[in-house]
Amino acid sequence: GCSPAKEEKRAFEVPDSLCGTPVPAELLSLVLPAGGARVAAERED
């Protein structure tokens, strides 16, 4: 009952920018979903 739940694996690489503005991937990694197959970013000015 105390074993940690297995976290889904990511199949995508965490980006190191937000639509061209650099940010550390390790910080984005902490807030993006734990699993998934692909990541995409869309910019609008």
ModelCIF file with pLDDT and N, C-alpha, C, O atoms, coordinates in Angstrom:
data_MODEL
#
_entry.id   MODEL 
#
_entity.id                         1 
_entity.type                       polymer 
_entity.pdbx_number_of_molecules   1 
#
_entity_poly.entity_id                      1 
_entity_poly.type                           'polypeptide(L)' 
_entity_poly.nstd_linkage                   no 
_entity_poly.nstd_monomer                   no 
_entity_poly.pdbx_seq_one_letter_code       GCSPAKEEKRAFEVPDSLCGTPVPAELLSLVLPAGGARVAAERED 
_entity_poly.pdbx_seq_one_letter_code_can   GCSPAKEEKRAFEVPDSLCGTPVPAELLSLVLPAGGARVAAERED 
_entity_poly.pdbx_strand_id                 A 
#
loop_
_entity_poly_seq.entity_id 
_entity_poly_seq.num 
_entity_poly_seq.mon_id 
_entity_poly_seq.hetero 
1 1  GLY n 
1 2  CYS n 
1 3  SER n 
1 4  PRO n 
1 5  ALA n 
1 6  LYS n 
1 7  GLU n 
1 8  GLU n 
1 9  LYS n 
1 10 ARG n 
1 11 ALA n 
1 12 PHE n 
1 13 GLU n 
1 14 VAL n 
1 15 PRO n 
1 16 ASP n 
1 17 SER n 
1 18 LEU n 
1 19 CYS n 
1 20 GLY n 
1 21 THR n 
1 22 PRO n 
1 23 VAL n 
1 24 PRO n 
1 25 ALA n 
1 26 GLU n 
1 27 LEU n 
1 28 LEU n 
1 29 SER n 
1 30 LEU n 
1 31 VAL n 
1 32 LEU n 
1 33 PRO n 
1 34 ALA n 
1 35 GLY n 
1 36 GLY n 
1 37 ALA n 
1 38 ARG n 
1 39 VAL n 
1 40 ALA n 
1 41 ALA n 
1 42 GLU n 
1 43 ARG n 
1 44 GLU n 
1 45 ASP n 
#
_struct_asym.id          A 
_struct_asym.entity_id   1 
#
loop_
_ma_qa_metric.id 
_ma_qa_metric.mode 
_ma_qa_metric.name 
_ma_qa_metric.software_group_id 
_ma_qa_metric.type 
1 global pLDDT . pLDDT 
2 local  pLDDT . pLDDT 
#
_ma_qa_metric_global.metric_id      1 
_ma_qa_metric_global.metric_value   84.89 
_ma_qa_metric_global.model_id       1 
_ma_qa_metric_global.ordinal_id     1 
#
loop_
_ma_qa_metric_local.label_asym_id 
_ma_qa_metric_local.label_comp_id 
_ma_qa_metric_local.label_seq_id 
_ma_qa_metric_local.metric_id 
_ma_qa_metric_local.metric_value 
_ma_qa_metric_local.model_id 
_ma_qa_metric_local.ordinal_id 
A GLY 1  2 47.00 1 1  
A CYS 2  2 47.00 1 2  
A SER 3  2 43.00 1 3  
A PRO 4  2 43.00 1 4  
A ALA 5  2 45.00 1 5  
A LYS 6  2 48.00 1 6  
A GLU 7  2 54.00 1 7  
A GLU 8  2 64.00 1 8  
A LYS 9  2 79.00 1 9  
A ARG 10 2 85.00 1 10 
A ALA 11 2 87.00 1 11 
A PHE 12 2 91.00 1 12 
A GLU 13 2 93.00 1 13 
A VAL 14 2 93.00 1 14 
A PRO 15 2 94.00 1 15 
A ASP 16 2 95.00 1 16 
A SER 17 2 94.00 1 17 
A LEU 18 2 95.00 1 18 
A CYS 19 2 93.00 1 19 
A GLY 20 2 92.00 1 20 
A THR 21 2 93.00 1 21 
A PRO 22 2 95.00 1 22 
A VAL 23 2 96.00 1 23 
A PRO 24 2 95.00 1 24 
A ALA 25 2 95.00 1 25 
A GLU 26 2 95.00 1 26 
A LEU 27 2 94.00 1 27 
A LEU 28 2 94.00 1 28 
A SER 29 2 93.00 1 29 
A LEU 30 2 93.00 1 30 
A VAL 31 2 93.00 1 31 
A LEU 32 2 93.00 1 32 
A PRO 33 2 92.00 1 33 
A ALA 34 2 89.00 1 34 
A GLY 35 2 89.00 1 35 
A GLY 36 2 91.00 1 36 
A ALA 37 2 94.00 1 37 
A ARG 38 2 94.00 1 38 
A VAL 39 2 94.00 1 39 
A ALA 40 2 95.00 1 40 
A ALA 41 2 95.00 1 41 
A GLU 42 2 96.00 1 42 
A ARG 43 2 95.00 1 43 
A GLU 44 2 95.00 1 44 
A ASP 45 2 90.00 1 45 
#
loop_
_atom_site.group_PDB 
_atom_site.id 
_atom_site.type_symbol 
_atom_site.label_atom_id 
_atom_site.label_alt_id 
_atom_site.label_comp_id 
_atom_site.label_asym_id 
_atom_site.label_entity_id 
_atom_site.label_seq_id 
_atom_site.pdbx_PDB_ins_code 
_atom_site.Cartn_x 
_atom_site.Cartn_y 
_atom_site.Cartn_z 
_atom_site.occupancy 
_atom_site.B_iso_or_equiv 
_atom_site.pdbx_formal_charge 
_atom_site.auth_seq_id 
_atom_site.auth_comp_id 
_atom_site.auth_asym_id 
_atom_site.auth_atom_id 
_atom_site.pdbx_PDB_model_num 
ATOM 1   N N  . GLY A 1 1  ? 0.808  -1.213 0.000   1.00 47.00 ? 1  GLY A N  1 
ATOM 2   C CA . GLY A 1 1  ? 0.000  0.000  0.000   1.00 47.00 ? 1  GLY A CA 1 
ATOM 3   C C  . GLY A 1 1  ? 0.835  1.255  0.000   1.00 47.00 ? 1  GLY A C  1 
ATOM 4   O O  . GLY A 1 1  ? 0.342  2.311  -0.396  1.00 47.00 ? 1  GLY A O  1 
ATOM 5   N N  . CYS A 1 2  ? 2.085  1.184  0.429   1.00 47.00 ? 2  CYS A N  1 
ATOM 6   C CA . CYS A 1 2  ? 2.953  2.355  0.513   1.00 47.00 ? 2  CYS A CA 1 
ATOM 7   C C  . CYS A 1 2  ? 3.876  2.488  -0.673  1.00 47.00 ? 2  CYS A C  1 
ATOM 8   O O  . CYS A 1 2  ? 4.627  3.460  -0.760  1.00 47.00 ? 2  CYS A O  1 
ATOM 9   N N  . SER A 1 3  ? 3.841  1.537  -1.592  1.00 43.00 ? 3  SER A N  1 
ATOM 10  C CA . SER A 1 3  ? 4.725  1.616  -2.757  1.00 43.00 ? 3  SER A CA 1 
ATOM 11  C C  . SER A 1 3  ? 4.294  2.775  -3.627  1.00 43.00 ? 3  SER A C  1 
ATOM 12  O O  . SER A 1 3  ? 3.100  2.987  -3.841  1.00 43.00 ? 3  SER A O  1 
ATOM 13  N N  . PRO A 1 4  ? 5.268  3.534  -4.136  1.00 43.00 ? 4  PRO A N  1 
ATOM 14  C CA . PRO A 1 4  ? 4.892  4.639  -5.005  1.00 43.00 ? 4  PRO A CA 1 
ATOM 15  C C  . PRO A 1 4  ? 4.282  4.113  -6.296  1.00 43.00 ? 4  PRO A C  1 
ATOM 16  O O  . PRO A 1 4  ? 4.709  3.088  -6.827  1.00 43.00 ? 4  PRO A O  1 
ATOM 17  N N  . ALA A 1 5  ? 3.275  4.830  -6.794  1.00 45.00 ? 5  ALA A N  1 
ATOM 18  C CA . ALA A 1 5  ? 2.654  4.441  -8.057  1.00 45.00 ? 5  ALA A CA 1 
ATOM 19  C C  . ALA A 1 5  ? 3.668  4.628  -9.178  1.00 45.00 ? 5  ALA A C  1 
ATOM 20  O O  . ALA A 1 5  ? 4.458  5.572  -9.173  1.00 45.00 ? 5  ALA A O  1 
ATOM 21  N N  . LYS A 1 6  ? 3.629  3.715  -10.130 1.00 48.00 ? 6  LYS A N  1 
ATOM 22  C CA . LYS A 1 6  ? 4.535  3.821  -11.263 1.00 48.00 ? 6  LYS A CA 1 
ATOM 23  C C  . LYS A 1 6  ? 4.116  4.992  -12.123 1.00 48.00 ? 6  LYS A C  1 
ATOM 24  O O  . LYS A 1 6  ? 2.953  5.110  -12.509 1.00 48.00 ? 6  LYS A O  1 
ATOM 25  N N  . GLU A 1 7  ? 5.069  5.858  -12.421 1.00 54.00 ? 7  GLU A N  1 
ATOM 26  C CA . GLU A 1 7  ? 4.790  7.034  -13.225 1.00 54.00 ? 7  GLU A CA 1 
ATOM 27  C C  . GLU A 1 7  ? 4.918  6.667  -14.701 1.00 54.00 ? 7  GLU A C  1 
ATOM 28  O O  . GLU A 1 7  ? 5.838  5.955  -15.104 1.00 54.00 ? 7  GLU A O  1 
ATOM 29  N N  . GLU A 1 8  ? 3.974  7.171  -15.499 1.00 64.00 ? 8  GLU A N  1 
ATOM 30  C CA . GLU A 1 8  ? 4.015  6.950  -16.933 1.00 64.00 ? 8  GLU A CA 1 
ATOM 31  C C  . GLU A 1 8  ? 5.288  7.588  -17.499 1.00 64.00 ? 8  GLU A C  1 
ATOM 32  O O  . GLU A 1 8  ? 5.686  8.668  -17.062 1.00 64.00 ? 8  GLU A O  1 
ATOM 33  N N  . LYS A 1 9  ? 5.914  6.939  -18.448 1.00 79.00 ? 9  LYS A N  1 
ATOM 34  C CA . LYS A 1 9  ? 7.157  7.445  -19.049 1.00 79.00 ? 9  LYS A CA 1 
ATOM 35  C C  . LYS A 1 9  ? 6.842  8.416  -20.176 1.00 79.00 ? 9  LYS A C  1 
ATOM 36  O O  . LYS A 1 9  ? 5.855  8.269  -20.895 1.00 79.00 ? 9  LYS A O  1 
ATOM 37  N N  . ARG A 1 10 ? 7.712  9.414  -20.308 1.00 85.00 ? 10 ARG A N  1 
ATOM 38  C CA . ARG A 1 10 ? 7.599  10.350 -21.423 1.00 85.00 ? 10 ARG A CA 1 
ATOM 39  C C  . ARG A 1 10 ? 8.320  9.776  -22.631 1.00 85.00 ? 10 ARG A C  1 
ATOM 40  O O  . ARG A 1 10 ? 9.409  9.214  -22.513 1.00 85.00 ? 10 ARG A O  1 
ATOM 41  N N  . ALA A 1 11 ? 7.710  9.921  -23.775 1.00 87.00 ? 11 ALA A N  1 
ATOM 42  C CA . ALA A 1 11 ? 8.361  9.532  -25.019 1.00 87.00 ? 11 ALA A CA 1 
ATOM 43  C C  . ALA A 1 11 ? 8.892  10.773 -25.733 1.00 87.00 ? 11 ALA A C  1 
ATOM 44  O O  . ALA A 1 11 ? 9.514  10.659 -26.789 1.00 87.00 ? 11 ALA A O  1 
ATOM 45  N N  . PHE A 1 12 ? 8.652  11.959 -25.165 1.00 91.00 ? 12 PHE A N  1 
ATOM 46  C CA . PHE A 1 12 ? 9.122  13.195 -25.778 1.00 91.00 ? 12 PHE A CA 1 
ATOM 47  C C  . PHE A 1 12 ? 10.255 13.791 -24.962 1.00 91.00 ? 12 PHE A C  1 
ATOM 48  O O  . PHE A 1 12 ? 10.396 13.540 -23.765 1.00 91.00 ? 12 PHE A O  1 
ATOM 49  N N  . GLU A 1 13 ? 11.058 14.591 -25.654 1.00 93.00 ? 13 GLU A N  1 
ATOM 50  C CA . GLU A 1 13 ? 12.134 15.316 -24.981 1.00 93.00 ? 13 GLU A CA 1 
ATOM 51  C C  . GLU A 1 13 ? 11.576 16.652 -24.512 1.00 93.00 ? 13 GLU A C  1 
ATOM 52  O O  . GLU A 1 13 ? 10.944 17.369 -25.288 1.00 93.00 ? 13 GLU A O  1 
ATOM 53  N N  . VAL A 1 14 ? 11.806 16.988 -23.245 1.00 93.00 ? 14 VAL A N  1 
ATOM 54  C CA . VAL A 1 14 ? 11.309 18.242 -22.691 1.00 93.00 ? 14 VAL A CA 1 
ATOM 55  C C  . VAL A 1 14 ? 12.051 19.384 -23.369 1.00 93.00 ? 14 VAL A C  1 
ATOM 56  O O  . VAL A 1 14 ? 13.281 19.367 -23.422 1.00 93.00 ? 14 VAL A O  1 
ATOM 57  N N  . PRO A 1 15 ? 11.332 20.378 -23.891 1.00 94.00 ? 15 PRO A N  1 
ATOM 58  C CA . PRO A 1 15 ? 11.991 21.489 -24.589 1.00 94.00 ? 15 PRO A CA 1 
ATOM 59  C C  . PRO A 1 15 ? 12.808 22.366 -23.634 1.00 94.00 ? 15 PRO A C  1 
ATOM 60  O O  . PRO A 1 15 ? 12.573 22.376 -22.425 1.00 94.00 ? 15 PRO A O  1 
ATOM 61  N N  . ASP A 1 16 ? 13.761 23.093 -24.196 1.00 95.00 ? 16 ASP A N  1 
ATOM 62  C CA . ASP A 1 16 ? 14.572 24.013 -23.393 1.00 95.00 ? 16 ASP A CA 1 
ATOM 63  C C  . ASP A 1 16 ? 14.237 25.468 -23.727 1.00 95.00 ? 16 ASP A C  1 
ATOM 64  O O  . ASP A 1 16 ? 15.044 26.374 -23.525 1.00 95.00 ? 16 ASP A O  1 
ATOM 65  N N  . SER A 1 17 ? 13.017 25.662 -24.246 1.00 94.00 ? 17 SER A N  1 
ATOM 66  C CA . SER A 1 17 ? 12.538 27.019 -24.514 1.00 94.00 ? 17 SER A CA 1 
ATOM 67  C C  . SER A 1 17 ? 11.018 27.003 -24.543 1.00 94.00 ? 17 SER A C  1 
ATOM 68  O O  . SER A 1 17 ? 10.387 25.959 -24.709 1.00 94.00 ? 17 SER A O  1 
ATOM 69  N N  . LEU A 1 18 ? 10.456 28.180 -24.377 1.00 95.00 ? 18 LEU A N  1 
ATOM 70  C CA . LEU A 1 18 ? 9.021  28.374 -24.546 1.00 95.00 ? 18 LEU A CA 1 
ATOM 71  C C  . LEU A 1 18 ? 8.853  29.238 -25.782 1.00 95.00 ? 18 LEU A C  1 
ATOM 72  O O  . LEU A 1 18 ? 8.942  30.464 -25.711 1.00 95.00 ? 18 LEU A O  1 
ATOM 73  N N  . CYS A 1 19 ? 8.609  28.594 -26.915 1.00 93.00 ? 19 CYS A N  1 
ATOM 74  C CA . CYS A 1 19 ? 8.440  29.274 -28.204 1.00 93.00 ? 19 CYS A CA 1 
ATOM 75  C C  . CYS A 1 19 ? 9.613  30.195 -28.515 1.00 93.00 ? 19 CYS A C  1 
ATOM 76  O O  . CYS A 1 19 ? 9.417  31.330 -28.949 1.00 93.00 ? 19 CYS A O  1 
ATOM 77  N N  . GLY A 1 20 ? 10.819 29.713 -28.296 1.00 92.00 ? 20 GLY A N  1 
ATOM 78  C CA . GLY A 1 20 ? 12.018 30.472 -28.620 1.00 92.00 ? 20 GLY A CA 1 
ATOM 79  C C  . GLY A 1 20 ? 12.631 31.233 -27.462 1.00 92.00 ? 20 GLY A C  1 
ATOM 80  O O  . GLY A 1 20 ? 13.756 31.719 -27.582 1.00 92.00 ? 20 GLY A O  1 
ATOM 81  N N  . THR A 1 21 ? 11.930 31.352 -26.346 1.00 93.00 ? 21 THR A N  1 
ATOM 82  C CA . THR A 1 21 ? 12.490 32.017 -25.172 1.00 93.00 ? 21 THR A CA 1 
ATOM 83  C C  . THR A 1 21 ? 13.114 30.941 -24.284 1.00 93.00 ? 21 THR A C  1 
ATOM 84  O O  . THR A 1 21 ? 12.393 30.100 -23.747 1.00 93.00 ? 21 THR A O  1 
ATOM 85  N N  . PRO A 1 22 ? 14.430 30.951 -24.120 1.00 95.00 ? 22 PRO A N  1 
ATOM 86  C CA . PRO A 1 22 ? 15.111 29.877 -23.389 1.00 95.00 ? 22 PRO A CA 1 
ATOM 87  C C  . PRO A 1 22 ? 14.655 29.762 -21.927 1.00 95.00 ? 22 PRO A C  1 
ATOM 88  O O  . PRO A 1 22 ? 14.531 30.762 -21.220 1.00 95.00 ? 22 PRO A O  1 
ATOM 89  N N  . VAL A 1 23 ? 14.411 28.528 -21.498 1.00 96.00 ? 23 VAL A N  1 
ATOM 90  C CA . VAL A 1 23 ? 14.149 28.206 -20.090 1.00 96.00 ? 23 VAL A CA 1 
ATOM 91  C C  . VAL A 1 23 ? 14.776 26.840 -19.829 1.00 96.00 ? 23 VAL A C  1 
ATOM 92  O O  . VAL A 1 23 ? 14.825 26.010 -20.736 1.00 96.00 ? 23 VAL A O  1 
ATOM 93  N N  . PRO A 1 24 ? 15.255 26.588 -18.619 1.00 95.00 ? 24 PRO A N  1 
ATOM 94  C CA . PRO A 1 24 ? 15.860 25.281 -18.326 1.00 95.00 ? 24 PRO A CA 1 
ATOM 95  C C  . PRO A 1 24 ? 14.850 24.142 -18.475 1.00 95.00 ? 24 PRO A C  1 
ATOM 96  O O  . PRO A 1 24 ? 13.767 24.183 -17.890 1.00 95.00 ? 24 PRO A O  1 
ATOM 97  N N  . ALA A 1 25 ? 15.210 23.130 -19.260 1.00 95.00 ? 25 ALA A N  1 
ATOM 98  C CA . ALA A 1 25 ? 14.339 21.964 -19.470 1.00 95.00 ? 25 ALA A CA 1 
ATOM 99  C C  . ALA A 1 25 ? 14.010 21.277 -18.151 1.00 95.00 ? 25 ALA A C  1 
ATOM 100 O O  . ALA A 1 25 ? 12.913 20.744 -17.983 1.00 95.00 ? 25 ALA A O  1 
ATOM 101 N N  . GLU A 1 26 ? 14.955 21.287 -17.216 1.00 95.00 ? 26 GLU A N  1 
ATOM 102 C CA . GLU A 1 26 ? 14.698 20.615 -15.936 1.00 95.00 ? 26 GLU A CA 1 
ATOM 103 C C  . GLU A 1 26 ? 13.584 21.303 -15.142 1.00 95.00 ? 26 GLU A C  1 
ATOM 104 O O  . GLU A 1 26 ? 12.903 20.651 -14.349 1.00 95.00 ? 26 GLU A O  1 
ATOM 105 N N  . LEU A 1 27 ? 13.389 22.608 -15.342 1.00 94.00 ? 27 LEU A N  1 
ATOM 106 C CA . LEU A 1 27 ? 12.288 23.299 -14.675 1.00 94.00 ? 27 LEU A CA 1 
ATOM 107 C C  . LEU A 1 27 ? 10.956 22.993 -15.364 1.00 94.00 ? 27 LEU A C  1 
ATOM 108 O O  . LEU A 1 27 ? 9.948  22.765 -14.694 1.00 94.00 ? 27 LEU A O  1 
ATOM 109 N N  . LEU A 1 28 ? 10.949 22.988 -16.690 1.00 94.00 ? 28 LEU A N  1 
ATOM 110 C CA . LEU A 1 28 ? 9.734  22.628 -17.427 1.00 94.00 ? 28 LEU A CA 1 
ATOM 111 C C  . LEU A 1 28 ? 9.326  21.190 -17.139 1.00 94.00 ? 28 LEU A C  1 
ATOM 112 O O  . LEU A 1 28 ? 8.138  20.877 -17.049 1.00 94.00 ? 28 LEU A O  1 
ATOM 113 N N  . SER A 1 29 ? 10.305 20.329 -16.997 1.00 93.00 ? 29 SER A N  1 
ATOM 114 C CA . SER A 1 29 ? 10.043 18.917 -16.746 1.00 93.00 ? 29 SER A CA 1 
ATOM 115 C C  . SER A 1 29 ? 9.205  18.703 -15.491 1.00 93.00 ? 29 SER A C  1 
ATOM 116 O O  . SER A 1 29 ? 8.402  17.772 -15.430 1.00 93.00 ? 29 SER A O  1 
ATOM 117 N N  . LEU A 1 30 ? 9.388  19.555 -14.499 1.00 93.00 ? 30 LEU A N  1 
ATOM 118 C CA . LEU A 1 30 ? 8.679  19.404 -13.233 1.00 93.00 ? 30 LEU A CA 1 
ATOM 119 C C  . LEU A 1 30 ? 7.196  19.745 -13.320 1.00 93.00 ? 30 LEU A C  1 
ATOM 120 O O  . LEU A 1 30 ? 6.413  19.288 -12.487 1.00 93.00 ? 30 LEU A O  1 
ATOM 121 N N  . VAL A 1 31 ? 6.794  20.538 -14.312 1.00 93.00 ? 31 VAL A N  1 
ATOM 122 C CA . VAL A 1 31 ? 5.391  20.943 -14.408 1.00 93.00 ? 31 VAL A CA 1 
ATOM 123 C C  . VAL A 1 31 ? 4.651  20.344 -15.603 1.00 93.00 ? 31 VAL A C  1 
ATOM 124 O O  . VAL A 1 31 ? 3.421  20.334 -15.619 1.00 93.00 ? 31 VAL A O  1 
ATOM 125 N N  . LEU A 1 32 ? 5.382  19.844 -16.605 1.00 93.00 ? 32 LEU A N  1 
ATOM 126 C CA . LEU A 1 32 ? 4.713  19.205 -17.742 1.00 93.00 ? 32 LEU A CA 1 
ATOM 127 C C  . LEU A 1 32 ? 4.205  17.824 -17.324 1.00 93.00 ? 32 LEU A C  1 
ATOM 128 O O  . LEU A 1 32 ? 4.705  17.252 -16.355 1.00 93.00 ? 32 LEU A O  1 
ATOM 129 N N  . PRO A 1 33 ? 3.217  17.285 -18.043 1.00 92.00 ? 33 PRO A N  1 
ATOM 130 C CA . PRO A 1 33 ? 2.699  15.959 -17.704 1.00 92.00 ? 33 PRO A CA 1 
ATOM 131 C C  . PRO A 1 33 ? 3.820  14.922 -17.630 1.00 92.00 ? 33 PRO A C  1 
ATOM 132 O O  . PRO A 1 33 ? 4.815  15.004 -18.351 1.00 92.00 ? 33 PRO A O  1 
ATOM 133 N N  . ALA A 1 34 ? 3.635  13.954 -16.749 1.00 89.00 ? 34 ALA A N  1 
ATOM 134 C CA . ALA A 1 34 ? 4.655  12.931 -16.519 1.00 89.00 ? 34 ALA A CA 1 
ATOM 135 C C  . ALA A 1 34 ? 4.791  11.964 -17.689 1.00 89.00 ? 34 ALA A C  1 
ATOM 136 O O  . ALA A 1 34 ? 5.852  11.367 -17.875 1.00 89.00 ? 34 ALA A O  1 
ATOM 137 N N  . GLY A 1 35 ? 3.739  11.803 -18.473 1.00 89.00 ? 35 GLY A N  1 
ATOM 138 C CA . GLY A 1 35 ? 3.781  10.887 -19.601 1.00 89.00 ? 35 GLY A CA 1 
ATOM 139 C C  . GLY A 1 35 ? 3.389  11.591 -20.878 1.00 89.00 ? 35 GLY A C  1 
ATOM 140 O O  . GLY A 1 35 ? 3.055  12.776 -20.875 1.00 89.00 ? 35 GLY A O  1 
ATOM 141 N N  . GLY A 1 36 ? 3.432  10.854 -21.964 1.00 91.00 ? 36 GLY A N  1 
ATOM 142 C CA . GLY A 1 36 ? 3.031  11.400 -23.251 1.00 91.00 ? 36 GLY A CA 1 
ATOM 143 C C  . GLY A 1 36 ? 3.992  11.008 -24.342 1.00 91.00 ? 36 GLY A C  1 
ATOM 144 O O  . GLY A 1 36 ? 5.132  10.623 -24.080 1.00 91.00 ? 36 GLY A O  1 
ATOM 145 N N  . ALA A 1 37 ? 3.521  11.111 -25.573 1.00 94.00 ? 37 ALA A N  1 
ATOM 146 C CA . ALA A 1 37 ? 4.329  10.701 -26.713 1.00 94.00 ? 37 ALA A CA 1 
ATOM 147 C C  . ALA A 1 37 ? 5.000  11.861 -27.439 1.00 94.00 ? 37 ALA A C  1 
ATOM 148 O O  . ALA A 1 37 ? 6.122  11.726 -27.926 1.00 94.00 ? 37 ALA A O  1 
ATOM 149 N N  . ARG A 1 38 ? 4.309  13.010 -27.511 1.00 94.00 ? 38 ARG A N  1 
ATOM 150 C CA . ARG A 1 38 ? 4.915  14.123 -28.249 1.00 94.00 ? 38 ARG A CA 1 
ATOM 151 C C  . ARG A 1 38 ? 4.539  15.461 -27.628 1.00 94.00 ? 38 ARG A C  1 
ATOM 152 O O  . ARG A 1 38 ? 3.467  15.628 -27.045 1.00 94.00 ? 38 ARG A O  1 
ATOM 153 N N  . VAL A 1 39 ? 5.453  16.396 -27.774 1.00 94.00 ? 39 VAL A N  1 
ATOM 154 C CA . VAL A 1 39 ? 5.248  17.751 -27.272 1.00 94.00 ? 39 VAL A CA 1 
ATOM 155 C C  . VAL A 1 39 ? 5.338  18.711 -28.449 1.00 94.00 ? 39 VAL A C  1 
ATOM 156 O O  . VAL A 1 39 ? 6.130  18.508 -29.370 1.00 94.00 ? 39 VAL A O  1 
ATOM 157 N N  . ALA A 1 40 ? 4.527  19.750 -28.413 1.00 95.00 ? 40 ALA A N  1 
ATOM 158 C CA . ALA A 1 40 ? 4.542  20.762 -29.466 1.00 95.00 ? 40 ALA A CA 1 
ATOM 159 C C  . ALA A 1 40 ? 4.323  22.124 -28.821 1.00 95.00 ? 40 ALA A C  1 
ATOM 160 O O  . ALA A 1 40 ? 3.662  22.238 -27.788 1.00 95.00 ? 40 ALA A O  1 
ATOM 161 N N  . ALA A 1 41 ? 4.884  23.149 -29.442 1.00 95.00 ? 41 ALA A N  1 
ATOM 162 C CA . ALA A 1 41 ? 4.699  24.517 -28.951 1.00 95.00 ? 41 ALA A CA 1 
ATOM 163 C C  . ALA A 1 41 ? 4.217  25.385 -30.104 1.00 95.00 ? 41 ALA A C  1 
ATOM 164 O O  . ALA A 1 41 ? 4.731  25.306 -31.220 1.00 95.00 ? 41 ALA A O  1 
ATOM 165 N N  . GLU A 1 42 ? 3.230  26.204 -29.817 1.00 96.00 ? 42 GLU A N  1 
ATOM 166 C CA . GLU A 1 42 ? 2.671  27.093 -30.824 1.00 96.00 ? 42 GLU A CA 1 
ATOM 167 C C  . GLU A 1 42 ? 2.769  28.534 -30.327 1.00 96.00 ? 42 GLU A C  1 
ATOM 168 O O  . GLU A 1 42 ? 2.335  28.859 -29.221 1.00 96.00 ? 42 GLU A O  1 
ATOM 169 N N  . ARG A 1 43 ? 3.344  29.382 -31.164 1.00 95.00 ? 43 ARG A N  1 
ATOM 170 C CA . ARG A 1 43 ? 3.542  30.797 -30.811 1.00 95.00 ? 43 ARG A CA 1 
ATOM 171 C C  . ARG A 1 43 ? 2.571  31.666 -31.584 1.00 95.00 ? 43 ARG A C  1 
ATOM 172 O O  . ARG A 1 43 ? 2.296  31.432 -32.761 1.00 95.00 ? 43 ARG A O  1 
ATOM 173 N N  . GLU A 1 44 ? 2.055  32.678 -30.893 1.00 95.00 ? 44 GLU A N  1 
ATOM 174 C CA . GLU A 1 44 ? 1.190  33.656 -31.543 1.00 95.00 ? 44 GLU A CA 1 
ATOM 175 C C  . GLU A 1 44 ? 1.615  35.041 -31.064 1.00 95.00 ? 44 GLU A C  1 
ATOM 176 O O  . GLU A 1 44 ? 1.677  35.296 -29.862 1.00 95.00 ? 44 GLU A O  1 
ATOM 177 N N  . ASP A 1 45 ? 1.905  35.924 -32.003 1.00 90.00 ? 45 ASP A N  1 
ATOM 178 C CA . ASP A 1 45 ? 2.234  37.316 -31.695 1.00 90.00 ? 45 ASP A CA 1 
ATOM 179 C C  . ASP A 1 45 ? 1.006  38.156 -32.020 1.00 90.00 ? 45 ASP A C  1 
ATOM 180 O O  . ASP A 1 45 ? 1.027  39.374 -31.846 1.00 90.00 ? 45 ASP A O  1 
#
